[in-house]
Amino acid sequence: MKFFVHALGAWFAAEAASGRYSRPVTMGIAMLVARLGTPTLALMLGSLIYKKLRSEGAFGQLQTVPARKPRATRG
């Protein structure tokens, strides 16, 4: 349950930092997240770094392995 609370707080903080909410809402979220402590801060910074890398196209060249086609059954 603690992990869920910290992850939710980090998600709100990352959304607030990206400019999704108005300034008064962002300040309130920042005060609440500050009370959650270090795990939330670490998750928030990680999510901000991931969002920035993704928006800059760092993961665009990663290719997934194509799915195997099912074999035709003879019947």
N, C-alpha and C. Protein backbone atom coordinates (compact mmCIF):
# COMPACT_ATOMS: atom_id res chain seq x y z
N MET A 1 0.82 -1.18 0.00
CA MET A 1 0.00 0.00 0.00
C MET A 1 0.87 1.25 0.00
N LYS A 2 1.98 1.18 0.73
CA LYS A 2 2.87 2.34 0.76
C LYS A 2 3.43 2.63 -0.63
N PHE A 3 3.79 1.57 -1.37
CA PHE A 3 4.31 1.78 -2.71
C PHE A 3 3.26 2.44 -3.60
N PHE A 4 2.01 2.02 -3.48
CA PHE A 4 0.93 2.62 -4.27
C PHE A 4 0.79 4.10 -3.96
N VAL A 5 0.84 4.46 -2.69
CA VAL A 5 0.72 5.87 -2.29
C VAL A 5 1.89 6.67 -2.85
N HIS A 6 3.10 6.13 -2.76
CA HIS A 6 4.27 6.85 -3.27
C HIS A 6 4.22 6.95 -4.80
N ALA A 7 3.79 5.89 -5.47
CA ALA A 7 3.70 5.94 -6.93
C ALA A 7 2.64 6.93 -7.39
N LEU A 8 1.52 6.98 -6.70
CA LEU A 8 0.47 7.93 -7.05
C LEU A 8 0.94 9.36 -6.82
N GLY A 9 1.63 9.58 -5.71
CA GLY A 9 2.18 10.91 -5.44
C GLY A 9 3.21 11.32 -6.47
N ALA A 10 4.04 10.37 -6.89
CA ALA A 10 5.05 10.67 -7.92
C ALA A 10 4.38 10.98 -9.25
N TRP A 11 3.31 10.27 -9.57
CA TRP A 11 2.61 10.53 -10.83
C TRP A 11 2.00 11.92 -10.82
N PHE A 12 1.34 12.30 -9.72
CA PHE A 12 0.79 13.65 -9.62
C PHE A 12 1.89 14.70 -9.71
N ALA A 13 3.01 14.46 -9.06
CA ALA A 13 4.11 15.43 -9.09
C ALA A 13 4.69 15.56 -10.49
N ALA A 14 4.83 14.46 -11.20
CA ALA A 14 5.36 14.52 -12.56
C ALA A 14 4.41 15.26 -13.49
N GLU A 15 3.11 15.01 -13.34
CA GLU A 15 2.13 15.72 -14.16
C GLU A 15 2.12 17.21 -13.83
N ALA A 16 2.25 17.55 -12.56
CA ALA A 16 2.29 18.95 -12.16
C ALA A 16 3.55 19.63 -12.69
N ALA A 17 4.67 18.92 -12.66
CA ALA A 17 5.92 19.50 -13.15
C ALA A 17 5.91 19.69 -14.67
N SER A 18 5.14 18.87 -15.36
CA SER A 18 5.09 19.01 -16.82
C SER A 18 4.15 20.13 -17.26
N GLY A 19 3.46 20.77 -16.31
CA GLY A 19 2.62 21.91 -16.63
C GLY A 19 1.16 21.58 -16.87
N ARG A 20 0.72 20.45 -16.42
CA ARG A 20 -0.67 20.05 -16.67
C ARG A 20 -1.66 20.82 -15.80
N TYR A 21 -1.26 21.20 -14.61
CA TYR A 21 -2.15 21.87 -13.67
C TYR A 21 -1.76 23.34 -13.51
N SER A 22 -2.69 24.14 -13.00
CA SER A 22 -2.40 25.56 -12.77
C SER A 22 -1.45 25.71 -11.58
N ARG A 23 -0.91 26.89 -11.41
CA ARG A 23 0.09 27.12 -10.38
C ARG A 23 -0.41 26.83 -8.96
N PRO A 24 -1.60 27.30 -8.56
CA PRO A 24 -2.04 27.00 -7.18
C PRO A 24 -2.21 25.49 -6.93
N VAL A 25 -2.70 24.76 -7.91
CA VAL A 25 -2.85 23.31 -7.75
C VAL A 25 -1.47 22.66 -7.66
N THR A 26 -0.55 23.11 -8.47
CA THR A 26 0.80 22.57 -8.46
C THR A 26 1.48 22.81 -7.11
N MET A 27 1.26 23.96 -6.52
CA MET A 27 1.86 24.25 -5.21
C MET A 27 1.29 23.32 -4.15
N GLY A 28 0.00 23.08 -4.19
CA GLY A 28 -0.62 22.16 -3.24
C GLY A 28 -0.09 20.74 -3.39
N ILE A 29 0.03 20.30 -4.65
CA ILE A 29 0.57 18.96 -4.90
C ILE A 29 2.02 18.87 -4.42
N ALA A 30 2.78 19.93 -4.66
CA ALA A 30 4.18 19.93 -4.23
C ALA A 30 4.29 19.81 -2.70
N MET A 31 3.40 20.50 -1.98
CA MET A 31 3.44 20.39 -0.51
C MET A 31 3.06 18.99 -0.04
N LEU A 32 2.08 18.38 -0.68
CA LEU A 32 1.70 17.03 -0.29
C LEU A 32 2.79 16.01 -0.62
N VAL A 33 3.39 16.15 -1.78
CA VAL A 33 4.44 15.21 -2.18
C VAL A 33 5.68 15.38 -1.30
N ALA A 34 5.96 16.60 -0.88
CA ALA A 34 7.10 16.83 0.01
C ALA A 34 6.93 16.07 1.32
N ARG A 35 5.69 15.89 1.76
CA ARG A 35 5.44 15.15 3.00
C ARG A 35 5.63 13.64 2.81
N LEU A 36 5.55 13.14 1.57
CA LEU A 36 5.69 11.71 1.33
C LEU A 36 7.13 11.23 1.43
N GLY A 37 8.08 12.10 1.14
CA GLY A 37 9.47 11.75 1.37
C GLY A 37 10.25 11.27 0.15
N THR A 38 11.36 10.62 0.45
CA THR A 38 12.35 10.23 -0.55
C THR A 38 11.86 9.24 -1.60
N PRO A 39 11.11 8.19 -1.26
CA PRO A 39 10.69 7.26 -2.32
C PRO A 39 9.85 7.93 -3.41
N THR A 40 8.98 8.84 -2.99
CA THR A 40 8.16 9.55 -3.97
C THR A 40 9.00 10.46 -4.84
N LEU A 41 9.98 11.11 -4.24
CA LEU A 41 10.87 11.98 -5.00
C LEU A 41 11.66 11.18 -6.01
N ALA A 42 12.14 10.02 -5.64
CA ALA A 42 12.90 9.18 -6.56
C ALA A 42 12.03 8.70 -7.72
N LEU A 43 10.80 8.27 -7.43
CA LEU A 43 9.89 7.85 -8.49
C LEU A 43 9.53 9.01 -9.41
N MET A 44 9.33 10.20 -8.84
CA MET A 44 8.98 11.36 -9.64
C MET A 44 10.12 11.74 -10.58
N LEU A 45 11.33 11.79 -10.06
CA LEU A 45 12.46 12.14 -10.91
C LEU A 45 12.67 11.11 -12.00
N GLY A 46 12.50 9.84 -11.67
CA GLY A 46 12.61 8.79 -12.68
C GLY A 46 11.57 8.94 -13.78
N SER A 47 10.34 9.25 -13.38
CA SER A 47 9.29 9.41 -14.39
C SER A 47 9.51 10.65 -15.24
N LEU A 48 10.02 11.73 -14.64
CA LEU A 48 10.32 12.93 -15.44
C LEU A 48 11.43 12.66 -16.45
N ILE A 49 12.45 11.94 -16.02
CA ILE A 49 13.55 11.60 -16.94
C ILE A 49 13.04 10.73 -18.07
N TYR A 50 12.21 9.74 -17.74
CA TYR A 50 11.64 8.86 -18.77
C TYR A 50 10.78 9.65 -19.76
N LYS A 51 9.92 10.54 -19.25
CA LYS A 51 9.06 11.34 -20.13
C LYS A 51 9.88 12.23 -21.05
N LYS A 52 10.95 12.83 -20.51
CA LYS A 52 11.80 13.71 -21.31
C LYS A 52 12.52 12.91 -22.41
N LEU A 53 13.08 11.76 -22.04
CA LEU A 53 13.77 10.93 -23.03
C LEU A 53 12.81 10.43 -24.10
N ARG A 54 11.61 10.05 -23.69
CA ARG A 54 10.63 9.56 -24.64
C ARG A 54 10.17 10.66 -25.59
N SER A 55 9.97 11.88 -25.06
CA SER A 55 9.54 12.98 -25.92
C SER A 55 10.64 13.42 -26.88
N GLU A 56 11.89 13.21 -26.52
CA GLU A 56 13.01 13.56 -27.40
C GLU A 56 13.32 12.47 -28.41
N GLY A 57 12.65 11.32 -28.31
CA GLY A 57 12.83 10.25 -29.28
C GLY A 57 13.93 9.26 -28.96
N ALA A 58 14.32 9.18 -27.70
CA ALA A 58 15.41 8.27 -27.33
C ALA A 58 15.03 6.81 -27.51
N PHE A 59 13.75 6.50 -27.42
CA PHE A 59 13.32 5.12 -27.52
C PHE A 59 12.72 4.80 -28.88
N GLY A 60 12.81 5.72 -29.81
CA GLY A 60 12.21 5.52 -31.13
C GLY A 60 12.89 4.46 -31.96
N GLN A 61 14.17 4.22 -31.73
CA GLN A 61 14.91 3.27 -32.55
C GLN A 61 14.88 1.86 -31.99
N LEU A 62 14.30 1.68 -30.82
CA LEU A 62 14.19 0.35 -30.26
C LEU A 62 13.17 -0.45 -31.07
N GLN A 63 13.56 -1.63 -31.46
CA GLN A 63 12.66 -2.46 -32.24
C GLN A 63 12.23 -3.66 -31.41
N THR A 64 11.00 -4.02 -31.56
CA THR A 64 10.52 -5.21 -30.87
C THR A 64 10.66 -6.41 -31.78
N VAL A 65 10.73 -7.55 -31.20
CA VAL A 65 10.83 -8.79 -31.96
C VAL A 65 9.46 -9.06 -32.58
N PRO A 66 9.41 -9.31 -33.89
CA PRO A 66 8.10 -9.56 -34.50
C PRO A 66 7.47 -10.82 -33.94
N ALA A 67 6.17 -10.78 -33.83
CA ALA A 67 5.44 -11.93 -33.29
C ALA A 67 5.50 -13.09 -34.27
N ARG A 68 5.60 -14.28 -33.71
CA ARG A 68 5.65 -15.47 -34.56
C ARG A 68 4.25 -15.74 -35.10
N LYS A 69 4.21 -16.10 -36.36
CA LYS A 69 2.93 -16.42 -36.97
C LYS A 69 2.53 -17.83 -36.56
N PRO A 70 1.27 -18.00 -36.26
CA PRO A 70 0.83 -19.35 -35.88
C PRO A 70 0.91 -20.30 -37.07
N ARG A 71 1.25 -21.52 -36.76
CA ARG A 71 1.35 -22.54 -37.81
C ARG A 71 -0.04 -22.96 -38.25
N ALA A 72 -0.17 -23.17 -39.53
CA ALA A 72 -1.45 -23.64 -40.06
C ALA A 72 -1.63 -25.10 -39.67
N THR A 73 -2.80 -25.41 -39.19
CA THR A 73 -3.06 -26.80 -38.81
C THR A 73 -3.66 -27.55 -39.99
N ARG A 74 -3.24 -28.75 -40.10
CA ARG A 74 -3.79 -29.58 -41.20
C ARG A 74 -4.91 -30.43 -40.63
N GLY A 75 -5.99 -30.38 -41.25
CA GLY A 75 -7.10 -31.13 -40.67
C GLY A 75 -7.89 -31.83 -41.62
